[in-house]
Amino acid sequence: MNQQYSSTQLVLKGTKVKRIFVDG
């Protein structure tokens, strides 16, 4: 999860995301 947080933050920056969906 520490890695997942850093990875997701790379594409989160600059956007006002309201939801995260996880599939698979």
PDB file of all heavy atoms in Angstrom:
ATOM      1  N   MET A   1       0.811  -1.207   0.000  1.00  0.00           N
ATOM      2  CA  MET A   1       0.000   0.000   0.000  1.00  0.00           C
ATOM      3  C   MET A   1       0.849   1.264   0.000  1.00  0.00           C
ATOM      4  O   MET A   1       0.471   2.270  -0.600  1.00  0.00           O
ATOM      5  CB  MET A   1      -0.956  -0.001   1.206  1.00  0.00           C
ATOM      6  CG  MET A   1      -1.967   1.145   1.185  1.00  0.00           C
ATOM      7  SD  MET A   1      -2.871   1.310  -0.404  1.00  0.00           S
ATOM      8  CE  MET A   1      -3.658  -0.301  -0.540  1.00  0.00           C
ATOM      9  N   ASN A   2       2.002   1.225   0.666  1.00  0.00           N
ATOM     10  CA  ASN A   2       2.913   2.374   0.598  1.00  0.00           C
ATOM     11  C   ASN A   2       3.324   2.647  -0.847  1.00  0.00           C
ATOM     12  O   ASN A   2       3.388   3.803  -1.288  1.00  0.00           O
ATOM     13  CB  ASN A   2       4.158   2.119   1.454  1.00  0.00           C
ATOM     14  CG  ASN A   2       3.881   2.246   2.938  1.00  0.00           C
ATOM     15  OD1 ASN A   2       2.923   2.887   3.354  1.00  0.00           O
ATOM     16  ND2 ASN A   2       4.711   1.609   3.756  1.00  0.00           N
ATOM     17  N   GLN A   3       3.567   1.582  -1.598  1.00  0.00           N
ATOM     18  CA  GLN A   3       3.899   1.728  -3.016  1.00  0.00           C
ATOM     19  C   GLN A   3       2.685   2.184  -3.821  1.00  0.00           C
ATOM     20  O   GLN A   3       2.790   3.040  -4.697  1.00  0.00           O
ATOM     21  CB  GLN A   3       4.413   0.399  -3.573  1.00  0.00           C
ATOM     22  CG  GLN A   3       5.779  -0.023  -3.067  1.00  0.00           C
ATOM     23  CD  GLN A   3       6.220  -1.333  -3.716  1.00  0.00           C
ATOM     24  OE1 GLN A   3       5.569  -2.364  -3.563  1.00  0.00           O
ATOM     25  NE2 GLN A   3       7.317  -1.292  -4.440  1.00  0.00           N
ATOM     26  N   GLN A   4       1.520   1.588  -3.504  1.00  0.00           N
ATOM     27  CA  GLN A   4       0.302   1.937  -4.232  1.00  0.00           C
ATOM     28  C   GLN A   4      -0.043   3.414  -4.060  1.00  0.00           C
ATOM     29  O   GLN A   4      -0.435   4.099  -5.018  1.00  0.00           O
ATOM     30  CB  GLN A   4      -0.876   1.072  -3.755  1.00  0.00           C
ATOM     31  CG  GLN A   4      -2.172   1.308  -4.528  1.00  0.00           C
ATOM     32  CD  GLN A   4      -2.048   0.870  -5.972  1.00  0.00           C
ATOM     33  OE1 GLN A   4      -2.004  -0.323  -6.261  1.00  0.00           O
ATOM     34  NE2 GLN A   4      -1.985   1.841  -6.886  1.00  0.00           N
ATOM     35  N   TYR A   5       0.107   3.911  -2.838  1.00  0.00           N
ATOM     36  CA  TYR A   5      -0.178   5.323  -2.569  1.00  0.00           C
ATOM     37  C   TYR A   5       0.712   6.222  -3.432  1.00  0.00           C
ATOM     38  O   TYR A   5       0.235   7.172  -4.069  1.00  0.00           O
ATOM     39  CB  TYR A   5       0.036   5.624  -1.085  1.00  0.00           C
ATOM     40  CG  TYR A   5      -0.145   7.088  -0.728  1.00  0.00           C
ATOM     41  CD1 TYR A   5      -1.419   7.640  -0.574  1.00  0.00           C
ATOM     42  CD2 TYR A   5       0.968   7.909  -0.543  1.00  0.00           C
ATOM     43  CE1 TYR A   5      -1.576   8.977  -0.255  1.00  0.00           C
ATOM     44  CE2 TYR A   5       0.804   9.253  -0.224  1.00  0.00           C
ATOM     45  CZ  TYR A   5      -0.466   9.774  -0.074  1.00  0.00           C
ATOM     46  OH  TYR A   5      -0.619  11.105   0.233  1.00  0.00           O
ATOM     47  N   SER A   6       2.003   5.925  -3.457  1.00  0.00           N
ATOM     48  CA  SER A   6       2.940   6.735  -4.237  1.00  0.00           C
ATOM     49  C   SER A   6       2.635   6.643  -5.732  1.00  0.00           C
ATOM     50  O   SER A   6       2.714   7.649  -6.452  1.00  0.00           O
ATOM     51  CB  SER A   6       4.380   6.277  -3.970  1.00  0.00           C
ATOM     52  OG  SER A   6       4.731   6.496  -2.622  1.00  0.00           O
ATOM     53  N   SER A   7       2.289   5.443  -6.186  1.00  0.00           N
ATOM     54  CA  SER A   7       1.979   5.246  -7.600  1.00  0.00           C
ATOM     55  C   SER A   7       0.724   6.013  -8.008  1.00  0.00           C
ATOM     56  O   SER A   7       0.703   6.710  -9.029  1.00  0.00           O
ATOM     57  CB  SER A   7       1.796   3.751  -7.884  1.00  0.00           C
ATOM     58  OG  SER A   7       1.473   3.526  -9.235  1.00  0.00           O
ATOM     59  N   THR A   8      -0.321   5.912  -7.202  1.00  0.00           N
ATOM     60  CA  THR A   8      -1.586   6.595  -7.521  1.00  0.00           C
ATOM     61  C   THR A   8      -1.423   8.107  -7.428  1.00  0.00           C
ATOM     62  O   THR A   8      -2.031   8.851  -8.214  1.00  0.00           O
ATOM     63  CB  THR A   8      -2.700   6.110  -6.581  1.00  0.00           C
ATOM     64  OG1 THR A   8      -2.862   4.695  -6.745  1.00  0.00           O
ATOM     65  CG2 THR A   8      -4.026   6.783  -6.897  1.00  0.00           C
ATOM     66  N   GLN A   9      -0.594   8.577  -6.497  1.00  0.00           N
ATOM     67  CA  GLN A   9      -0.367  10.015  -6.361  1.00  0.00           C
ATOM     68  C   GLN A   9       0.215  10.622  -7.632  1.00  0.00           C
ATOM     69  O   GLN A   9      -0.024  11.797  -7.935  1.00  0.00           O
ATOM     70  CB  GLN A   9       0.585  10.287  -5.183  1.00  0.00           C
ATOM     71  CG  GLN A   9      -0.064  10.237  -3.819  1.00  0.00           C
ATOM     72  CD  GLN A   9      -0.932  11.459  -3.518  1.00  0.00           C
ATOM     73  OE1 GLN A   9      -1.128  12.322  -4.361  1.00  0.00           O
ATOM     74  NE2 GLN A   9      -1.447  11.518  -2.315  1.00  0.00           N
ATOM     75  N   LEU A  10       0.959   9.832  -8.394  1.00  0.00           N
ATOM     76  CA  LEU A  10       1.564  10.342  -9.621  1.00  0.00           C
ATOM     77  C   LEU A  10       0.521  10.816 -10.626  1.00  0.00           C
ATOM     78  O   LEU A  10       0.745  11.778 -11.367  1.00  0.00           O
ATOM     79  CB  LEU A  10       2.442   9.256 -10.271  1.00  0.00           C
ATOM     80  CG  LEU A  10       3.758   8.927  -9.565  1.00  0.00           C
ATOM     81  CD1 LEU A  10       4.371   7.670 -10.162  1.00  0.00           C
ATOM     82  CD2 LEU A  10       4.731  10.094  -9.662  1.00  0.00           C
ATOM     83  N   VAL A  11      -0.636  10.149 -10.677  1.00  0.00           N
ATOM     84  CA  VAL A  11      -1.686  10.547 -11.627  1.00  0.00           C
ATOM     85  C   VAL A  11      -2.786  11.357 -10.961  1.00  0.00           C
ATOM     86  O   VAL A  11      -3.639  11.918 -11.642  1.00  0.00           O
ATOM     87  CB  VAL A  11      -2.293   9.314 -12.338  1.00  0.00           C
ATOM     88  CG1 VAL A  11      -1.242   8.598 -13.160  1.00  0.00           C
ATOM     89  CG2 VAL A  11      -2.943   8.359 -11.356  1.00  0.00           C
ATOM     90  N   LEU A  12      -2.774  11.409  -9.627  1.00  0.00           N
ATOM     91  CA  LEU A  12      -3.779  12.177  -8.896  1.00  0.00           C
ATOM     92  C   LEU A  12      -3.486  13.667  -8.937  1.00  0.00           C
ATOM     93  O   LEU A  12      -4.404  14.502  -8.931  1.00  0.00           O
ATOM     94  CB  LEU A  12      -3.831  11.685  -7.441  1.00  0.00           C
ATOM     95  CG  LEU A  12      -4.804  12.359  -6.479  1.00  0.00           C
ATOM     96  CD1 LEU A  12      -6.245  12.142  -6.914  1.00  0.00           C
ATOM     97  CD2 LEU A  12      -4.600  11.830  -5.067  1.00  0.00           C
ATOM     98  N   LYS A  13      -2.219  14.025  -8.988  1.00  0.00           N
ATOM     99  CA  LYS A  13      -1.799  15.420  -8.924  1.00  0.00           C
ATOM    100  C   LYS A  13      -2.488  16.279  -9.985  1.00  0.00           C
ATOM    101  O   LYS A  13      -2.597  15.883 -11.145  1.00  0.00           O
ATOM    102  CB  LYS A  13      -0.280  15.527  -9.095  1.00  0.00           C
ATOM    103  CG  LYS A  13       0.521  14.992  -7.928  1.00  0.00           C
ATOM    104  CD  LYS A  13       2.008  15.197  -8.114  1.00  0.00           C
ATOM    105  CE  LYS A  13       2.578  14.446  -9.276  1.00  0.00           C
ATOM    106  NZ  LYS A  13       4.041  14.545  -9.372  1.00  0.00           N
ATOM    107  N   GLY A  14      -2.973  17.454  -9.541  1.00  0.00           N
ATOM    108  CA  GLY A  14      -3.570  18.394 -10.487  1.00  0.00           C
ATOM    109  C   GLY A  14      -5.024  18.155 -10.785  1.00  0.00           C
ATOM    110  O   GLY A  14      -5.603  18.871 -11.620  1.00  0.00           O
ATOM    111  N   THR A  15      -5.648  17.153 -10.146  1.00  0.00           N
ATOM    112  CA  THR A  15      -7.065  16.873 -10.373  1.00  0.00           C
ATOM    113  C   THR A  15      -7.792  16.759  -9.040  1.00  0.00           C
ATOM    114  O   THR A  15      -7.211  16.347  -8.039  1.00  0.00           O
ATOM    115  CB  THR A  15      -7.268  15.568 -11.169  1.00  0.00           C
ATOM    116  OG1 THR A  15      -6.632  14.485 -10.464  1.00  0.00           O
ATOM    117  CG2 THR A  15      -6.676  15.669 -12.559  1.00  0.00           C
ATOM    118  N   LYS A  16      -9.055  17.136  -9.027  1.00  0.00           N
ATOM    119  CA  LYS A  16      -9.868  17.075  -7.815  1.00  0.00           C
ATOM    120  C   LYS A  16     -10.715  15.803  -7.838  1.00  0.00           C
ATOM    121  O   LYS A  16     -11.925  15.824  -8.048  1.00  0.00           O
ATOM    122  CB  LYS A  16     -10.743  18.318  -7.708  1.00  0.00           C
ATOM    123  CG  LYS A  16      -9.938  19.604  -7.552  1.00  0.00           C
ATOM    124  CD  LYS A  16     -10.831  20.823  -7.431  1.00  0.00           C
ATOM    125  CE  LYS A  16     -10.002  22.093  -7.256  1.00  0.00           C
ATOM    126  NZ  LYS A  16     -10.868  23.311  -7.163  1.00  0.00           N
ATOM    127  N   VAL A  17     -10.039  14.683  -7.624  1.00  0.00           N
ATOM    128  CA  VAL A  17     -10.697  13.382  -7.681  1.00  0.00           C
ATOM    129  C   VAL A  17     -11.596  13.195  -6.461  1.00  0.00           C
ATOM    130  O   VAL A  17     -11.182  13.440  -5.327  1.00  0.00           O
ATOM    131  CB  VAL A  17      -9.646  12.253  -7.762  1.00  0.00           C
ATOM    132  CG1 VAL A  17     -10.258  10.895  -7.490  1.00  0.00           C
ATOM    133  CG2 VAL A  17      -8.966  12.275  -9.128  1.00  0.00           C
ATOM    134  N   LYS A  18     -12.830  12.754  -6.710  1.00  0.00           N
ATOM    135  CA  LYS A  18     -13.810  12.546  -5.642  1.00  0.00           C
ATOM    136  C   LYS A  18     -13.893  11.087  -5.201  1.00  0.00           C
ATOM    137  O   LYS A  18     -14.240  10.790  -4.066  1.00  0.00           O
ATOM    138  CB  LYS A  18     -15.200  12.984  -6.118  1.00  0.00           C
ATOM    139  CG  LYS A  18     -15.282  14.417  -6.626  1.00  0.00           C
ATOM    140  CD  LYS A  18     -15.117  15.413  -5.506  1.00  0.00           C
ATOM    141  CE  LYS A  18     -15.328  16.838  -6.007  1.00  0.00           C
ATOM    142  NZ  LYS A  18     -15.143  17.823  -4.923  1.00  0.00           N
ATOM    143  N   ARG A  19     -13.585  10.184  -6.136  1.00  0.00           N
ATOM    144  CA  ARG A  19     -13.732   8.763  -5.853  1.00  0.00           C
ATOM    145  C   ARG A  19     -12.599   7.964  -6.457  1.00  0.00           C
ATOM    146  O   ARG A  19     -12.034   8.349  -7.486  1.00  0.00           O
ATOM    147  CB  ARG A  19     -15.057   8.227  -6.438  1.00  0.00           C
ATOM    148  CG  ARG A  19     -16.302   8.789  -5.798  1.00  0.00           C
ATOM    149  CD  ARG A  19     -17.530   8.340  -6.574  1.00  0.00           C
ATOM    150  NE  ARG A  19     -18.764   8.735  -5.907  1.00  0.00           N
ATOM    151  CZ  ARG A  19     -19.979   8.576  -6.419  1.00  0.00           C
ATOM    152  NH1 ARG A  19     -20.111   8.027  -7.617  1.00  0.00           N
ATOM    153  NH2 ARG A  19     -21.047   8.956  -5.753  1.00  0.00           N
ATOM    154  N   ILE A  20     -12.262   6.862  -5.803  1.00  0.00           N
ATOM    155  CA  ILE A  20     -11.344   5.874  -6.375  1.00  0.00           C
ATOM    156  C   ILE A  20     -12.089   4.548  -6.433  1.00  0.00           C
ATOM    157  O   ILE A  20     -12.620   4.082  -5.419  1.00  0.00           O
ATOM    158  CB  ILE A  20     -10.060   5.723  -5.537  1.00  0.00           C
ATOM    159  CG1 ILE A  20      -9.223   7.008  -5.595  1.00  0.00           C
ATOM    160  CG2 ILE A  20      -9.223   4.541  -6.048  1.00  0.00           C
ATOM    161  CD1 ILE A  20      -7.954   6.962  -4.747  1.00  0.00           C
ATOM    162  N   PHE A  21     -12.139   3.964  -7.615  1.00  0.00           N
ATOM    163  CA  PHE A  21     -12.734   2.648  -7.814  1.00  0.00           C
ATOM    164  C   PHE A  21     -11.620   1.627  -8.001  1.00  0.00           C
ATOM    165  O   PHE A  21     -10.630   1.898  -8.684  1.00  0.00           O
ATOM    166  CB  PHE A  21     -13.644   2.632  -9.042  1.00  0.00           C
ATOM    167  CG  PHE A  21     -14.760   3.642  -8.994  1.00  0.00           C
ATOM    168  CD1 PHE A  21     -14.743   4.756  -9.813  1.00  0.00           C
ATOM    169  CD2 PHE A  21     -15.834   3.476  -8.120  1.00  0.00           C
ATOM    170  CE1 PHE A  21     -15.765   5.693  -9.783  1.00  0.00           C
ATOM    171  CE2 PHE A  21     -16.863   4.393  -8.066  1.00  0.00           C
ATOM    172  CZ  PHE A  21     -16.822   5.513  -8.899  1.00  0.00           C
ATOM    173  N   VAL A  22     -11.780   0.455  -7.415  1.00  0.00           N
ATOM    174  CA  VAL A  22     -10.793  -0.625  -7.554  1.00  0.00           C
ATOM    175  C   VAL A  22     -11.503  -1.834  -8.131  1.00  0.00           C
ATOM    176  O   VAL A  22     -12.500  -2.308  -7.571  1.00  0.00           O
ATOM    177  CB  VAL A  22     -10.160  -1.007  -6.201  1.00  0.00           C
ATOM    178  CG1 VAL A  22      -9.133  -2.124  -6.387  1.00  0.00           C
ATOM    179  CG2 VAL A  22      -9.516   0.211  -5.545  1.00  0.00           C
ATOM    180  N   ASP A  23     -11.020  -2.319  -9.258  1.00  0.00           N
ATOM    181  CA  ASP A  23     -11.569  -3.577  -9.776  1.00  0.00           C
ATOM    182  C   ASP A  23     -10.451  -4.597  -9.924  1.00  0.00           C
ATOM    183  O   ASP A  23      -9.269  -4.287  -9.791  1.00  0.00           O
ATOM    184  CB  ASP A  23     -12.350  -3.370 -11.078  1.00  0.00           C
ATOM    185  CG  ASP A  23     -11.467  -3.056 -12.288  1.00  0.00           C
ATOM    186  OD1 ASP A  23     -10.228  -3.107 -12.169  1.00  0.00           O
ATOM    187  OD2 ASP A  23     -12.015  -2.756 -13.357  1.00  0.00           O
ATOM    188  N   GLY A  24     -10.825  -5.847 -10.154  1.00  0.00           N
ATOM    189  CA  GLY A  24      -9.831  -6.917 -10.260  1.00  0.00           C
ATOM    190  C   GLY A  24      -9.550  -7.559  -8.911  1.00  0.00           C
ATOM    191  O   GLY A  24     -10.285  -7.379  -7.928  1.00  0.00           O
TER     192      GLY A  24
END
